[in-house]
Amino acid sequence: MNDDPDSSQSRSRLPSIAVAITVEAPGWRARVPDVEALVRRAVRAAVLAAVAAQHEPAARWGAGVEISVLLSDDARVRDLNRRYRGRDAPTNVLSFPAGDEGTDEAPVLLGDVVLALETVAREAAGQAKPLGDHVAHLIVHGVLHLLGYDHESDAAAALMEALEVRILSALEVPDPYAPAAATPGGEDETTGALS
């Protein structure tokens, strides 16, 4: 018998996780085999890791959580980035937190994550990593933004990056922050969170 009450409670309160995926840009399926399954695994891993890290109290998610993922292209993401962030350029990932509280009968709508195919593919090629690995990283990154993580301070960035690395390791994706995986030019391309 396990005497740790937190471990048994956290296992019994794991949230149901619904993922609505829209593949808007047709190139996604051709370039990332079984992209929908990859997205679902990455979303689920990120949500469960946040619960395990006790950043998100699963008890408040009575009927579970729902996340929407849009796999789009540079033109669409550029438009969204311009409208909601004032930046007239595509980016790899945007996160739109819903701020929904949910009820015992309805899932909590955590928000939307949007990826731009051309930018994501260009980054993966520039970093010499498999496109699927980069997609998994950006989905995890975007979902963590929906859950309240950010990289606005060095301490917050370190916390978020450490959690990303742990989640990705469980998904068998190498550490995206290891020196060999650094983005050319040293820029952080994953700053699409909206508040």
N, C-alpha and C. Protein backbone atom coordinates (compact mmCIF):
# COMPACT_ATOMS: atom_id res chain seq x y z
N MET A 1 0.85 -1.18 0.00
CA MET A 1 0.00 0.00 0.00
C MET A 1 0.89 1.24 0.00
N ASN A 2 0.48 2.22 -0.78
CA ASN A 2 1.22 3.47 -0.89
C ASN A 2 0.70 4.44 0.15
N ASP A 3 1.59 4.96 1.01
CA ASP A 3 1.17 5.89 2.05
C ASP A 3 1.17 7.34 1.60
N ASP A 4 1.57 7.60 0.36
CA ASP A 4 1.61 8.97 -0.14
C ASP A 4 0.24 9.34 -0.70
N PRO A 5 -0.53 10.16 0.04
CA PRO A 5 -1.88 10.48 -0.42
C PRO A 5 -1.89 11.25 -1.73
N ASP A 6 -0.85 12.04 -1.99
CA ASP A 6 -0.83 12.82 -3.21
C ASP A 6 -0.76 11.94 -4.44
N SER A 7 0.02 10.84 -4.38
CA SER A 7 0.18 10.02 -5.57
C SER A 7 -1.12 9.32 -5.94
N SER A 8 -1.85 8.80 -4.97
CA SER A 8 -3.11 8.13 -5.29
C SER A 8 -4.17 9.13 -5.73
N GLN A 9 -4.19 10.30 -5.11
CA GLN A 9 -5.17 11.32 -5.52
C GLN A 9 -4.87 11.81 -6.92
N SER A 10 -3.61 12.08 -7.23
CA SER A 10 -3.30 12.61 -8.55
C SER A 10 -3.62 11.59 -9.64
N ARG A 11 -3.39 10.29 -9.38
CA ARG A 11 -3.72 9.28 -10.38
C ARG A 11 -5.22 9.18 -10.59
N SER A 12 -6.00 9.31 -9.53
CA SER A 12 -7.44 9.17 -9.68
C SER A 12 -8.08 10.42 -10.28
N ARG A 13 -7.35 11.52 -10.32
CA ARG A 13 -7.91 12.76 -10.85
C ARG A 13 -7.32 13.19 -12.17
N LEU A 14 -6.71 12.29 -12.88
CA LEU A 14 -6.15 12.67 -14.17
C LEU A 14 -7.28 13.12 -15.09
N PRO A 15 -7.07 14.24 -15.75
CA PRO A 15 -8.15 14.79 -16.58
C PRO A 15 -8.32 14.02 -17.88
N SER A 16 -9.56 14.04 -18.39
CA SER A 16 -9.74 13.58 -19.76
C SER A 16 -9.27 14.74 -20.64
N ILE A 17 -8.65 14.42 -21.74
CA ILE A 17 -8.05 15.43 -22.59
C ILE A 17 -8.59 15.26 -24.01
N ALA A 18 -9.39 16.21 -24.45
CA ALA A 18 -9.92 16.20 -25.82
C ALA A 18 -9.07 17.14 -26.67
N VAL A 19 -8.67 16.65 -27.83
CA VAL A 19 -7.86 17.45 -28.74
C VAL A 19 -8.59 17.54 -30.07
N ALA A 20 -8.97 18.75 -30.44
CA ALA A 20 -9.60 18.99 -31.74
C ALA A 20 -8.51 19.48 -32.69
N ILE A 21 -8.26 18.72 -33.75
CA ILE A 21 -7.19 19.05 -34.69
C ILE A 21 -7.80 19.39 -36.04
N THR A 22 -7.39 20.54 -36.57
CA THR A 22 -7.77 20.93 -37.91
C THR A 22 -6.50 21.04 -38.74
N VAL A 23 -6.44 20.26 -39.82
CA VAL A 23 -5.30 20.33 -40.73
C VAL A 23 -5.74 21.22 -41.89
N GLU A 24 -5.34 22.48 -41.81
CA GLU A 24 -5.76 23.47 -42.80
C GLU A 24 -4.83 23.49 -44.02
N ALA A 25 -3.53 23.33 -43.79
CA ALA A 25 -2.56 23.31 -44.88
C ALA A 25 -2.32 21.87 -45.31
N PRO A 26 -2.59 21.54 -46.55
CA PRO A 26 -2.51 20.14 -46.98
C PRO A 26 -1.12 19.53 -46.87
N GLY A 27 -0.07 20.30 -46.85
CA GLY A 27 1.28 19.76 -46.78
C GLY A 27 1.62 19.07 -45.47
N TRP A 28 0.86 19.33 -44.42
CA TRP A 28 1.16 18.71 -43.12
C TRP A 28 1.17 17.19 -43.20
N ARG A 29 0.14 16.63 -43.77
CA ARG A 29 0.04 15.16 -43.80
C ARG A 29 1.12 14.54 -44.69
N ALA A 30 1.51 15.23 -45.74
CA ALA A 30 2.55 14.71 -46.63
C ALA A 30 3.93 14.78 -45.98
N ARG A 31 4.16 15.78 -45.16
CA ARG A 31 5.50 16.01 -44.60
C ARG A 31 5.70 15.39 -43.22
N VAL A 32 4.61 15.17 -42.48
CA VAL A 32 4.72 14.59 -41.14
C VAL A 32 3.77 13.40 -41.07
N PRO A 33 4.31 12.20 -41.23
CA PRO A 33 3.45 11.01 -41.18
C PRO A 33 2.66 10.94 -39.88
N ASP A 34 1.37 10.67 -40.01
CA ASP A 34 0.47 10.53 -38.86
C ASP A 34 0.55 11.73 -37.92
N VAL A 35 0.51 12.92 -38.52
CA VAL A 35 0.67 14.16 -37.75
C VAL A 35 -0.38 14.30 -36.65
N GLU A 36 -1.60 13.85 -36.90
CA GLU A 36 -2.64 13.98 -35.88
C GLU A 36 -2.30 13.17 -34.63
N ALA A 37 -1.80 11.95 -34.81
CA ALA A 37 -1.42 11.13 -33.65
C ALA A 37 -0.26 11.78 -32.89
N LEU A 38 0.69 12.33 -33.62
CA LEU A 38 1.82 13.03 -32.99
C LEU A 38 1.33 14.21 -32.16
N VAL A 39 0.42 14.99 -32.71
CA VAL A 39 -0.13 16.15 -31.98
C VAL A 39 -0.86 15.70 -30.72
N ARG A 40 -1.68 14.67 -30.84
CA ARG A 40 -2.42 14.17 -29.66
C ARG A 40 -1.47 13.70 -28.55
N ARG A 41 -0.43 12.96 -28.92
CA ARG A 41 0.54 12.49 -27.92
C ARG A 41 1.24 13.67 -27.24
N ALA A 42 1.63 14.67 -28.02
CA ALA A 42 2.34 15.83 -27.46
C ALA A 42 1.43 16.64 -26.55
N VAL A 43 0.18 16.85 -26.95
CA VAL A 43 -0.77 17.59 -26.11
C VAL A 43 -0.99 16.85 -24.80
N ARG A 44 -1.28 15.57 -24.90
CA ARG A 44 -1.54 14.77 -23.70
C ARG A 44 -0.34 14.78 -22.76
N ALA A 45 0.85 14.60 -23.30
CA ALA A 45 2.06 14.58 -22.47
C ALA A 45 2.25 15.92 -21.76
N ALA A 46 2.00 17.02 -22.45
CA ALA A 46 2.18 18.35 -21.85
C ALA A 46 1.18 18.59 -20.73
N VAL A 47 -0.08 18.25 -20.96
CA VAL A 47 -1.11 18.46 -19.93
C VAL A 47 -0.82 17.59 -18.70
N LEU A 48 -0.52 16.32 -18.92
CA LEU A 48 -0.26 15.43 -17.79
C LEU A 48 1.00 15.82 -17.03
N ALA A 49 2.01 16.32 -17.73
CA ALA A 49 3.23 16.78 -17.05
C ALA A 49 2.95 18.01 -16.19
N ALA A 50 2.10 18.91 -16.67
CA ALA A 50 1.75 20.09 -15.87
C ALA A 50 0.98 19.67 -14.62
N VAL A 51 0.13 18.67 -14.76
CA VAL A 51 -0.60 18.15 -13.60
C VAL A 51 0.39 17.52 -12.62
N ALA A 52 1.31 16.71 -13.15
CA ALA A 52 2.29 16.03 -12.30
C ALA A 52 3.20 17.04 -11.59
N ALA A 53 3.51 18.14 -12.28
CA ALA A 53 4.34 19.19 -11.68
C ALA A 53 3.53 20.06 -10.72
N GLN A 54 2.25 19.76 -10.64
CA GLN A 54 1.30 20.47 -9.78
C GLN A 54 1.19 21.94 -10.13
N HIS A 55 1.50 22.27 -11.39
CA HIS A 55 1.26 23.63 -11.85
C HIS A 55 -0.23 23.81 -12.10
N GLU A 56 -0.85 22.75 -12.59
CA GLU A 56 -2.28 22.79 -12.88
C GLU A 56 -3.01 21.84 -11.95
N PRO A 57 -3.91 22.34 -11.14
CA PRO A 57 -4.70 21.44 -10.27
C PRO A 57 -5.77 20.72 -11.08
N ALA A 58 -5.58 19.46 -11.33
CA ALA A 58 -6.51 18.69 -12.14
C ALA A 58 -7.91 18.65 -11.53
N ALA A 59 -8.01 18.85 -10.23
CA ALA A 59 -9.32 18.80 -9.58
C ALA A 59 -10.26 19.87 -10.12
N ARG A 60 -9.72 20.99 -10.59
CA ARG A 60 -10.59 22.04 -11.12
C ARG A 60 -11.11 21.72 -12.51
N TRP A 61 -10.59 20.64 -13.09
CA TRP A 61 -11.01 20.23 -14.42
C TRP A 61 -12.01 19.08 -14.31
N GLY A 62 -13.12 19.30 -13.64
CA GLY A 62 -14.09 18.25 -13.37
C GLY A 62 -14.42 17.38 -14.56
N ALA A 63 -14.73 17.98 -15.70
CA ALA A 63 -15.12 17.21 -16.88
C ALA A 63 -13.98 17.12 -17.89
N GLY A 64 -12.77 17.44 -17.47
CA GLY A 64 -11.62 17.33 -18.37
C GLY A 64 -11.27 18.64 -19.03
N VAL A 65 -10.39 18.55 -20.03
CA VAL A 65 -9.93 19.73 -20.75
C VAL A 65 -10.06 19.51 -22.25
N GLU A 66 -10.12 20.62 -22.96
CA GLU A 66 -10.18 20.56 -24.42
C GLU A 66 -9.20 21.59 -24.98
N ILE A 67 -8.44 21.15 -25.96
CA ILE A 67 -7.48 22.01 -26.64
C ILE A 67 -7.71 21.87 -28.14
N SER A 68 -7.64 22.99 -28.84
CA SER A 68 -7.77 22.99 -30.29
C SER A 68 -6.41 23.26 -30.90
N VAL A 69 -6.05 22.48 -31.92
CA VAL A 69 -4.78 22.67 -32.63
C VAL A 69 -5.10 22.89 -34.11
N LEU A 70 -4.54 23.98 -34.64
CA LEU A 70 -4.70 24.29 -36.06
C LEU A 70 -3.33 24.15 -36.72
N LEU A 71 -3.24 23.23 -37.68
CA LEU A 71 -2.02 23.05 -38.45
C LEU A 71 -2.20 23.82 -39.75
N SER A 72 -1.60 24.99 -39.80
CA SER A 72 -1.85 25.93 -40.87
C SER A 72 -0.57 26.23 -41.64
N ASP A 73 -0.55 27.41 -42.27
CA ASP A 73 0.59 27.80 -43.08
C ASP A 73 1.06 29.20 -42.69
N ASP A 74 2.14 29.64 -43.33
CA ASP A 74 2.73 30.93 -42.99
C ASP A 74 1.76 32.09 -43.22
N ALA A 75 0.98 32.04 -44.30
CA ALA A 75 0.08 33.15 -44.60
C ALA A 75 -0.95 33.33 -43.48
N ARG A 76 -1.55 32.24 -43.06
CA ARG A 76 -2.57 32.32 -41.99
C ARG A 76 -1.95 32.76 -40.66
N VAL A 77 -0.79 32.20 -40.32
CA VAL A 77 -0.15 32.54 -39.05
C VAL A 77 0.36 33.99 -39.09
N ARG A 78 0.82 34.44 -40.24
CA ARG A 78 1.23 35.85 -40.37
C ARG A 78 0.04 36.76 -40.10
N ASP A 79 -1.11 36.42 -40.65
CA ASP A 79 -2.32 37.22 -40.41
C ASP A 79 -2.69 37.23 -38.93
N LEU A 80 -2.68 36.07 -38.30
CA LEU A 80 -3.00 36.00 -36.87
C LEU A 80 -1.98 36.76 -36.03
N ASN A 81 -0.72 36.63 -36.38
CA ASN A 81 0.35 37.30 -35.65
C ASN A 81 0.21 38.82 -35.77
N ARG A 82 -0.15 39.28 -36.96
CA ARG A 82 -0.36 40.72 -37.19
C ARG A 82 -1.57 41.22 -36.38
N ARG A 83 -2.67 40.48 -36.46
CA ARG A 83 -3.90 40.92 -35.79
C ARG A 83 -3.81 40.89 -34.28
N TYR A 84 -3.20 39.86 -33.72
CA TYR A 84 -3.24 39.67 -32.27
C TYR A 84 -1.95 40.05 -31.54
N ARG A 85 -0.84 40.15 -32.26
CA ARG A 85 0.43 40.48 -31.61
C ARG A 85 1.10 41.71 -32.20
N GLY A 86 0.52 42.25 -33.28
CA GLY A 86 1.10 43.43 -33.90
C GLY A 86 2.40 43.17 -34.62
N ARG A 87 2.66 41.92 -35.00
CA ARG A 87 3.89 41.54 -35.69
C ARG A 87 3.53 41.01 -37.07
N ASP A 88 3.93 41.74 -38.10
CA ASP A 88 3.57 41.39 -39.47
C ASP A 88 4.57 40.41 -40.07
N ALA A 89 4.62 39.22 -39.50
CA ALA A 89 5.50 38.16 -39.98
C ALA A 89 4.97 36.83 -39.45
N PRO A 90 5.24 35.76 -40.20
CA PRO A 90 4.84 34.45 -39.66
C PRO A 90 5.76 34.09 -38.49
N THR A 91 5.29 33.20 -37.66
CA THR A 91 6.09 32.63 -36.58
C THR A 91 5.78 31.14 -36.54
N ASN A 92 6.50 30.40 -35.75
CA ASN A 92 6.31 28.95 -35.77
C ASN A 92 5.05 28.51 -35.03
N VAL A 93 4.80 29.09 -33.86
CA VAL A 93 3.67 28.67 -33.04
C VAL A 93 3.03 29.88 -32.37
N LEU A 94 1.71 29.87 -32.34
CA LEU A 94 0.95 30.86 -31.58
C LEU A 94 0.05 30.11 -30.61
N SER A 95 -0.10 30.66 -29.41
CA SER A 95 -0.99 30.07 -28.41
C SER A 95 -2.02 31.13 -28.02
N PHE A 96 -3.27 30.71 -27.99
CA PHE A 96 -4.36 31.59 -27.62
C PHE A 96 -5.10 31.01 -26.42
N PRO A 97 -4.71 31.37 -25.20
CA PRO A 97 -5.41 30.84 -24.02
C PRO A 97 -6.88 31.29 -24.01
N ALA A 98 -7.76 30.37 -23.65
CA ALA A 98 -9.19 30.69 -23.63
C ALA A 98 -9.62 31.33 -22.32
N GLY A 99 -8.95 31.03 -21.24
CA GLY A 99 -9.35 31.59 -19.95
C GLY A 99 -10.66 31.04 -19.44
N ASP A 100 -11.06 29.88 -19.94
CA ASP A 100 -12.32 29.25 -19.56
C ASP A 100 -12.17 28.52 -18.23
N GLU A 101 -13.18 28.58 -17.40
CA GLU A 101 -13.15 27.88 -16.11
C GLU A 101 -13.79 26.50 -16.16
N GLY A 102 -14.66 26.27 -17.14
CA GLY A 102 -15.32 24.97 -17.24
C GLY A 102 -16.30 24.74 -16.11
N THR A 103 -16.93 23.58 -16.12
CA THR A 103 -17.86 23.18 -15.08
C THR A 103 -17.66 21.69 -14.82
N ASP A 104 -18.41 21.16 -13.87
CA ASP A 104 -18.34 19.72 -13.64
C ASP A 104 -18.89 18.93 -14.82
N GLU A 105 -19.77 19.57 -15.60
CA GLU A 105 -20.40 18.90 -16.74
C GLU A 105 -19.73 19.17 -18.06
N ALA A 106 -18.99 20.29 -18.17
CA ALA A 106 -18.36 20.67 -19.44
C ALA A 106 -16.86 20.80 -19.25
N PRO A 107 -16.10 20.38 -20.25
CA PRO A 107 -14.64 20.48 -20.13
C PRO A 107 -14.16 21.93 -20.11
N VAL A 108 -13.00 22.13 -19.51
CA VAL A 108 -12.35 23.43 -19.54
C VAL A 108 -11.73 23.61 -20.93
N LEU A 109 -12.08 24.69 -21.59
CA LEU A 109 -11.48 25.00 -22.88
C LEU A 109 -10.19 25.74 -22.61
N LEU A 110 -9.05 25.05 -22.78
CA LEU A 110 -7.76 25.67 -22.48
C LEU A 110 -7.34 26.68 -23.54
N GLY A 111 -7.70 26.44 -24.79
CA GLY A 111 -7.37 27.40 -25.84
C GLY A 111 -6.91 26.72 -27.11
N ASP A 112 -6.26 27.53 -27.96
CA ASP A 112 -5.85 27.09 -29.28
C ASP A 112 -4.34 27.20 -29.46
N VAL A 113 -3.78 26.27 -30.19
CA VAL A 113 -2.38 26.30 -30.60
C VAL A 113 -2.38 26.24 -32.12
N VAL A 114 -1.60 27.14 -32.75
CA VAL A 114 -1.55 27.21 -34.20
C VAL A 114 -0.10 27.09 -34.65
N LEU A 115 0.16 26.21 -35.62
CA LEU A 115 1.50 26.05 -36.18
C LEU A 115 1.51 26.44 -37.66
N ALA A 116 2.63 27.03 -38.11
CA ALA A 116 2.82 27.43 -39.50
C ALA A 116 3.77 26.45 -40.19
N LEU A 117 3.27 25.72 -41.16
CA LEU A 117 4.04 24.65 -41.79
C LEU A 117 5.38 25.11 -42.34
N GLU A 118 5.40 26.15 -43.15
CA GLU A 118 6.65 26.53 -43.81
C GLU A 118 7.71 26.97 -42.80
N THR A 119 7.30 27.75 -41.81
CA THR A 119 8.26 28.20 -40.79
C THR A 119 8.78 27.03 -39.97
N VAL A 120 7.88 26.15 -39.55
CA VAL A 120 8.29 24.99 -38.75
C VAL A 120 9.23 24.10 -39.56
N ALA A 121 8.91 23.86 -40.83
CA ALA A 121 9.77 23.01 -41.68
C ALA A 121 11.13 23.67 -41.91
N ARG A 122 11.14 24.98 -42.15
CA ARG A 122 12.40 25.70 -42.36
C ARG A 122 13.29 25.63 -41.12
N GLU A 123 12.70 25.81 -39.94
CA GLU A 123 13.46 25.72 -38.69
C GLU A 123 14.03 24.32 -38.49
N ALA A 124 13.20 23.31 -38.70
CA ALA A 124 13.67 21.92 -38.52
C ALA A 124 14.84 21.63 -39.46
N ALA A 125 14.72 22.05 -40.70
CA ALA A 125 15.81 21.82 -41.66
C ALA A 125 17.06 22.59 -41.24
N GLY A 126 16.90 23.84 -40.80
CA GLY A 126 18.03 24.65 -40.38
C GLY A 126 18.72 24.12 -39.14
N GLN A 127 17.98 23.39 -38.33
CA GLN A 127 18.53 22.81 -37.10
C GLN A 127 18.90 21.34 -37.29
N ALA A 128 18.74 20.84 -38.50
CA ALA A 128 19.05 19.44 -38.83
C ALA A 128 18.37 18.46 -37.88
N LYS A 129 17.08 18.67 -37.67
CA LYS A 129 16.31 17.75 -36.82
C LYS A 129 15.09 17.27 -37.58
N PRO A 130 14.57 16.11 -37.22
CA PRO A 130 13.36 15.62 -37.88
C PRO A 130 12.19 16.59 -37.68
N LEU A 131 11.43 16.79 -38.73
CA LEU A 131 10.29 17.71 -38.67
C LEU A 131 9.32 17.27 -37.57
N GLY A 132 9.07 15.98 -37.44
CA GLY A 132 8.15 15.50 -36.40
C GLY A 132 8.62 15.86 -35.00
N ASP A 133 9.93 15.80 -34.75
CA ASP A 133 10.46 16.19 -33.44
C ASP A 133 10.21 17.67 -33.17
N HIS A 134 10.41 18.49 -34.19
CA HIS A 134 10.20 19.94 -34.00
C HIS A 134 8.71 20.23 -33.78
N VAL A 135 7.85 19.53 -34.50
CA VAL A 135 6.41 19.70 -34.30
C VAL A 135 6.04 19.32 -32.86
N ALA A 136 6.54 18.20 -32.38
CA ALA A 136 6.25 17.79 -31.00
C ALA A 136 6.70 18.86 -30.02
N HIS A 137 7.91 19.41 -30.21
CA HIS A 137 8.41 20.45 -29.32
C HIS A 137 7.50 21.67 -29.34
N LEU A 138 7.10 22.12 -30.52
CA LEU A 138 6.28 23.33 -30.60
C LEU A 138 4.87 23.12 -30.05
N ILE A 139 4.33 21.92 -30.21
CA ILE A 139 3.02 21.62 -29.60
C ILE A 139 3.15 21.65 -28.09
N VAL A 140 4.16 21.00 -27.55
CA VAL A 140 4.38 21.02 -26.09
C VAL A 140 4.56 22.45 -25.61
N HIS A 141 5.38 23.22 -26.31
CA HIS A 141 5.64 24.62 -25.95
C HIS A 141 4.33 25.42 -25.95
N GLY A 142 3.55 25.27 -27.01
CA GLY A 142 2.29 26.00 -27.11
C GLY A 142 1.30 25.62 -26.03
N VAL A 143 1.19 24.33 -25.73
CA VAL A 143 0.27 23.87 -24.69
C VAL A 143 0.72 24.40 -23.32
N LEU A 144 2.01 24.40 -23.06
CA LEU A 144 2.47 24.95 -21.78
C LEU A 144 2.13 26.43 -21.65
N HIS A 145 2.16 27.16 -22.75
CA HIS A 145 1.69 28.56 -22.70
C HIS A 145 0.21 28.61 -22.31
N LEU A 146 -0.59 27.71 -22.87
CA LEU A 146 -2.02 27.68 -22.52
C LEU A 146 -2.22 27.41 -21.04
N LEU A 147 -1.29 26.69 -20.44
CA LEU A 147 -1.38 26.32 -19.03
C LEU A 147 -0.73 27.35 -18.11
N GLY A 148 -0.28 28.46 -18.68
CA GLY A 148 0.24 29.55 -17.87
C GLY A 148 1.74 29.67 -17.78
N TYR A 149 2.47 28.78 -18.41
CA TYR A 149 3.92 28.89 -18.42
C TYR A 149 4.33 29.98 -19.40
N ASP A 150 5.45 30.65 -19.12
CA ASP A 150 5.98 31.63 -20.06
C ASP A 150 7.49 31.68 -19.95
N HIS A 151 8.09 32.52 -20.76
CA HIS A 151 9.54 32.68 -20.72
C HIS A 151 9.87 34.16 -20.68
N GLU A 152 9.09 34.90 -19.90
CA GLU A 152 9.27 36.35 -19.77
C GLU A 152 10.45 36.70 -18.86
N SER A 153 10.82 35.83 -17.96
CA SER A 153 11.99 36.06 -17.09
C SER A 153 12.91 34.86 -17.23
N ASP A 154 14.15 35.03 -16.82
CA ASP A 154 15.10 33.91 -16.89
C ASP A 154 14.62 32.72 -16.06
N ALA A 155 14.07 33.00 -14.88
CA ALA A 155 13.61 31.92 -14.01
C ALA A 155 12.41 31.19 -14.63
N ALA A 156 11.47 31.95 -15.19
CA ALA A 156 10.29 31.34 -15.83
C ALA A 156 10.71 30.54 -17.05
N ALA A 157 11.65 31.07 -17.83
CA ALA A 157 12.14 30.36 -19.02
C ALA A 157 12.83 29.06 -18.63
N ALA A 158 13.63 29.11 -17.57
CA ALA A 158 14.34 27.90 -17.12
C ALA A 158 13.34 26.83 -16.68
N LEU A 159 12.30 27.23 -15.95
CA LEU A 159 11.27 26.29 -15.50
C LEU A 159 10.54 25.67 -16.69
N MET A 160 10.14 26.52 -17.64
CA MET A 160 9.40 26.05 -18.80
C MET A 160 10.27 25.13 -19.66
N GLU A 161 11.50 25.54 -19.90
CA GLU A 161 12.39 24.73 -20.73
C GLU A 161 12.69 23.38 -20.09
N ALA A 162 12.89 23.36 -18.78
CA ALA A 162 13.16 22.09 -18.10
C ALA A 162 11.96 21.15 -18.23
N LEU A 163 10.76 21.69 -18.10
CA LEU A 163 9.56 20.87 -18.24
C LEU A 163 9.43 20.38 -19.68
N GLU A 164 9.68 21.24 -20.64
CA GLU A 164 9.64 20.83 -22.05
C GLU A 164 10.60 19.67 -22.31
N VAL A 165 11.82 19.80 -21.82
CA VAL A 165 12.84 18.76 -22.04
C VAL A 165 12.38 17.43 -21.43
N ARG A 166 11.79 17.48 -20.23
CA ARG A 166 11.28 16.26 -19.57
C ARG A 166 10.16 15.63 -20.39
N ILE A 167 9.23 16.47 -20.85
CA ILE A 167 8.10 15.97 -21.63
C ILE A 167 8.60 15.35 -22.94
N LEU A 168 9.48 16.07 -23.62
CA LEU A 168 9.98 15.58 -24.90
C LEU A 168 10.80 14.31 -24.73
N SER A 169 11.53 14.19 -23.65
CA SER A 169 12.28 12.97 -23.39
C SER A 169 11.32 11.78 -23.30
N ALA A 170 10.19 11.98 -22.61
CA ALA A 170 9.20 10.91 -22.50
C ALA A 170 8.61 10.56 -23.87
N LEU A 171 8.62 11.52 -24.79
CA LEU A 171 8.13 11.29 -26.15
C LEU A 171 9.26 10.81 -27.07
N GLU A 172 10.45 10.59 -26.48
CA GLU A 172 11.64 10.16 -27.22
C GLU A 172 12.09 11.18 -28.25
N VAL A 173 11.98 12.47 -27.88
CA VAL A 173 12.44 13.58 -28.70
C VAL A 173 13.65 14.18 -28.00
N PRO A 174 14.77 14.34 -28.71
CA PRO A 174 15.97 14.91 -28.07
C PRO A 174 15.75 16.33 -27.55
N ASP A 175 16.59 16.72 -26.61
CA ASP A 175 16.54 18.05 -26.00
C ASP A 175 16.69 19.14 -27.06
N PRO A 176 15.64 19.94 -27.29
CA PRO A 176 15.73 20.97 -28.33
C PRO A 176 16.61 22.15 -27.92
N TYR A 177 16.98 22.23 -26.65
CA TYR A 177 17.79 23.34 -26.16
C TYR A 177 19.27 22.97 -26.03
N ALA A 178 19.60 21.73 -26.36
CA ALA A 178 21.01 21.34 -26.34
C ALA A 178 21.76 22.19 -27.36
N PRO A 179 23.02 22.51 -27.12
CA PRO A 179 23.76 23.43 -28.00
C PRO A 179 23.68 23.09 -29.48
N ALA A 180 23.73 21.84 -29.84
CA ALA A 180 23.66 21.47 -31.26
C ALA A 180 22.30 21.76 -31.86
N ALA A 181 21.27 21.91 -31.00
CA ALA A 181 19.91 22.14 -31.49
C ALA A 181 19.53 23.62 -31.47
N ALA A 182 20.46 24.50 -31.16
CA ALA A 182 20.14 25.93 -31.06
C ALA A 182 19.69 26.47 -32.40
N THR A 183 18.74 27.40 -32.37
CA THR A 183 18.25 28.04 -33.57
C THR A 183 19.36 28.91 -34.15
N PRO A 184 19.59 28.84 -35.46
CA PRO A 184 20.61 29.71 -36.06
C PRO A 184 20.34 31.17 -35.70
N GLY A 185 21.39 31.88 -35.31
CA GLY A 185 21.24 33.27 -34.92
C GLY A 185 20.92 33.43 -33.46
N GLY A 186 20.64 32.33 -32.75
CA GLY A 186 20.39 32.38 -31.33
C GLY A 186 19.04 32.94 -30.93
N GLU A 187 18.14 33.18 -31.88
CA GLU A 187 16.85 33.75 -31.53
C GLU A 187 15.90 32.68 -31.03
N ASP A 188 15.04 33.07 -30.11
CA ASP A 188 13.98 32.18 -29.65
C ASP A 188 12.79 32.37 -30.58
N GLU A 189 12.50 31.37 -31.39
CA GLU A 189 11.41 31.46 -32.35
C GLU A 189 10.07 31.05 -31.75
N THR A 190 10.06 30.62 -30.49
CA THR A 190 8.84 30.05 -29.92
C THR A 190 8.21 31.00 -28.93
N THR A 191 8.01 32.25 -29.35
CA THR A 191 7.46 33.25 -28.45
C THR A 191 6.06 33.67 -28.85
N GLY A 192 5.27 32.74 -29.31
CA GLY A 192 3.96 33.08 -29.82
C GLY A 192 2.85 33.14 -28.80
N ALA A 193 3.16 33.15 -27.52
CA ALA A 193 2.08 33.16 -26.53
C ALA A 193 1.39 34.51 -26.51
N LEU A 194 0.10 34.47 -26.40
CA LEU A 194 -0.69 35.70 -26.27
C LEU A 194 -1.28 35.75 -24.89
N SER A 195 -1.35 36.91 -24.33
CA SER A 195 -1.98 37.03 -23.02
C SER A 195 -3.24 37.84 -23.11
